[in-house]
């Protein structure tokens, strides 16, 4: 069974920075896409940033220019660097991954439990 463990959330003032990490544990042969989603109270879970196996990335319009996403395939870890944080960035941030447990198996999806980001004075 594969598990994603997020870390790095916390309280930060507007304009501040945080770096989220998400490490994957378990039987993983290949990782395709790794990404971050967020969900604020009363809202749907939305994509924040995604990084594909070829290193290409995509971002929500609201975070472009402020957030960057990177991955370390050897460590099976994805990072989200969040700069110039705004109160509207406050949410629970969830890690997501598409992986295959064996080289020729179809990809499966797994979610982390989330890490809370609070942006407030």
Protein backbone atom coordinates (compact mmCIF):
# COMPACT_ATOMS: atom_id res chain seq x y z
CA UNK A 1 0.00 0.00 0.00
CA UNK A 2 1.30 3.42 -0.96
CA UNK A 3 1.08 6.38 1.39
CA UNK A 4 1.79 10.06 0.85
CA UNK A 5 3.01 12.04 3.81
CA UNK A 6 2.81 15.83 3.62
CA UNK A 7 4.71 18.29 5.78
CA UNK A 8 5.55 21.96 5.94
CA UNK A 9 2.18 23.52 6.58
CA UNK A 10 1.65 26.09 9.29
CA UNK A 11 0.83 29.69 10.09
CA UNK A 12 2.44 32.44 8.07
CA UNK A 13 1.82 36.15 7.71
CA UNK A 14 0.66 37.63 4.41
CA UNK A 15 3.64 38.06 2.13
CA UNK A 16 5.48 35.21 3.78
CA UNK A 17 6.65 31.88 2.39
CA UNK A 18 6.20 28.22 3.11
CA UNK A 19 7.59 25.09 1.53
CA UNK A 20 5.44 21.99 1.47
CA UNK A 21 6.87 18.52 1.02
CA UNK A 22 5.17 15.26 0.13
CA UNK A 23 7.00 11.96 0.31
CA UNK A 24 5.69 8.69 -1.08
CA UNK A 25 6.18 5.40 0.72
CA UNK A 26 5.38 1.91 -0.38
CA UNK A 27 5.63 -0.26 -3.44
CA UNK A 28 6.21 2.12 -6.32
CA UNK A 29 7.78 1.26 -9.65
CA UNK A 30 7.15 4.44 -11.57
CA UNK A 31 5.64 7.83 -10.77
CA UNK A 32 3.85 9.81 -13.41
CA UNK A 33 2.23 13.01 -12.22
CA UNK A 34 2.70 14.56 -8.79
CA UNK A 35 0.66 17.50 -7.70
CA UNK A 36 -0.82 19.69 -5.04
CA UNK A 37 -4.47 20.53 -4.54
CA UNK A 38 -6.10 22.68 -1.92
CA UNK A 39 -9.48 22.96 -0.30
CA UNK A 40 -10.70 25.93 1.69
CA UNK A 41 -13.74 25.68 4.00
CA UNK A 42 -16.94 25.47 2.01
CA UNK A 43 -15.13 25.19 -1.30
CA UNK A 44 -14.19 22.40 -3.66
CA UNK A 45 -10.77 20.85 -3.87
CA UNK A 46 -8.88 22.55 -6.69
CA UNK A 47 -5.61 21.97 -8.44
CA UNK A 48 -2.79 24.26 -7.31
CA UNK A 49 0.16 22.87 -9.25
CA UNK A 50 1.16 19.72 -11.08
CA UNK A 51 4.45 18.34 -12.33
CA UNK A 52 4.52 15.58 -14.90
CA UNK A 53 7.03 12.81 -15.38
CA UNK A 54 8.84 14.82 -18.06
CA UNK A 55 9.19 17.76 -15.69
CA UNK A 56 6.56 19.93 -17.33
CA UNK A 57 4.42 21.91 -14.91
CA UNK A 58 1.06 23.60 -14.71
CA UNK A 59 -0.34 26.02 -12.18
CA UNK A 60 -3.63 27.52 -11.17
CA UNK A 61 -3.86 31.08 -12.45
CA UNK A 62 -4.16 32.38 -8.91
CA UNK A 63 -0.70 31.13 -7.94
CA UNK A 64 1.28 31.69 -11.13
CA UNK A 65 4.44 33.66 -10.45
CA UNK A 66 4.24 32.99 -6.71
CA UNK A 67 4.37 29.19 -6.37
CA UNK A 68 6.82 26.73 -7.83
CA UNK A 69 6.64 22.95 -7.88
CA UNK A 70 9.54 20.53 -8.09
CA UNK A 71 10.17 16.83 -7.60
CA UNK A 72 12.98 14.55 -6.54
CA UNK A 73 12.36 11.22 -8.21
CA UNK A 74 15.04 9.43 -6.20
CA UNK A 75 13.36 10.51 -2.97
CA UNK A 76 9.85 10.07 -4.39
CA UNK A 77 9.10 13.54 -3.11
CA UNK A 78 7.32 16.57 -4.51
CA UNK A 79 7.75 20.09 -3.18
CA UNK A 80 5.63 23.20 -3.36
CA UNK A 81 7.40 26.48 -2.71
CA UNK A 82 4.86 29.14 -1.87
CA UNK A 83 5.94 32.76 -1.85
CA UNK A 84 4.06 36.03 -1.40
CA UNK A 85 1.29 34.19 0.37
CA UNK A 86 -2.12 35.80 0.57
CA UNK A 87 -5.00 35.19 2.96
CA UNK A 88 -6.90 33.54 0.12
CA UNK A 89 -4.17 30.89 -0.12
CA UNK A 90 -5.23 29.53 3.26
CA UNK A 91 -6.54 25.99 2.89
CA UNK A 92 -5.77 22.37 3.48
CA UNK A 93 -3.20 21.34 0.90
CA UNK A 94 -3.34 17.80 -0.41
CA UNK A 95 -0.66 15.90 -2.26
CA UNK A 96 -1.68 13.71 -5.17
CA UNK A 97 0.25 11.17 -7.20
CA UNK A 98 -0.24 8.85 -10.16
CA UNK A 99 1.99 5.83 -9.85
CA UNK A 100 2.28 2.24 -10.93
CA UNK A 101 3.26 -0.50 -8.48
CA UNK A 102 4.84 -2.53 -11.29
CA UNK A 103 6.57 -1.27 -14.44
CA UNK A 104 3.84 -2.30 -16.86
CA UNK A 105 0.79 -1.82 -14.68
CA UNK A 106 -1.73 0.94 -15.20
CA UNK A 107 -1.38 4.05 -13.11
CA UNK A 108 -3.14 4.32 -9.78
CA UNK A 109 -4.03 7.46 -7.87
CA UNK A 110 -3.25 8.17 -4.24
CA UNK A 111 -3.91 11.16 -1.98
CA UNK A 112 -2.22 12.43 1.13
CA UNK A 113 -4.15 13.37 4.25
CA UNK A 114 -3.45 17.06 3.84
CA UNK A 115 -1.52 19.77 5.60
CA UNK A 116 -3.06 23.00 6.84
CA UNK A 117 -1.80 26.36 5.62
CA UNK A 118 -3.02 29.42 7.46
CA UNK A 119 -2.22 32.92 6.22
CA UNK A 120 -3.02 35.57 8.78
CA UNK A 121 -1.52 38.51 10.63
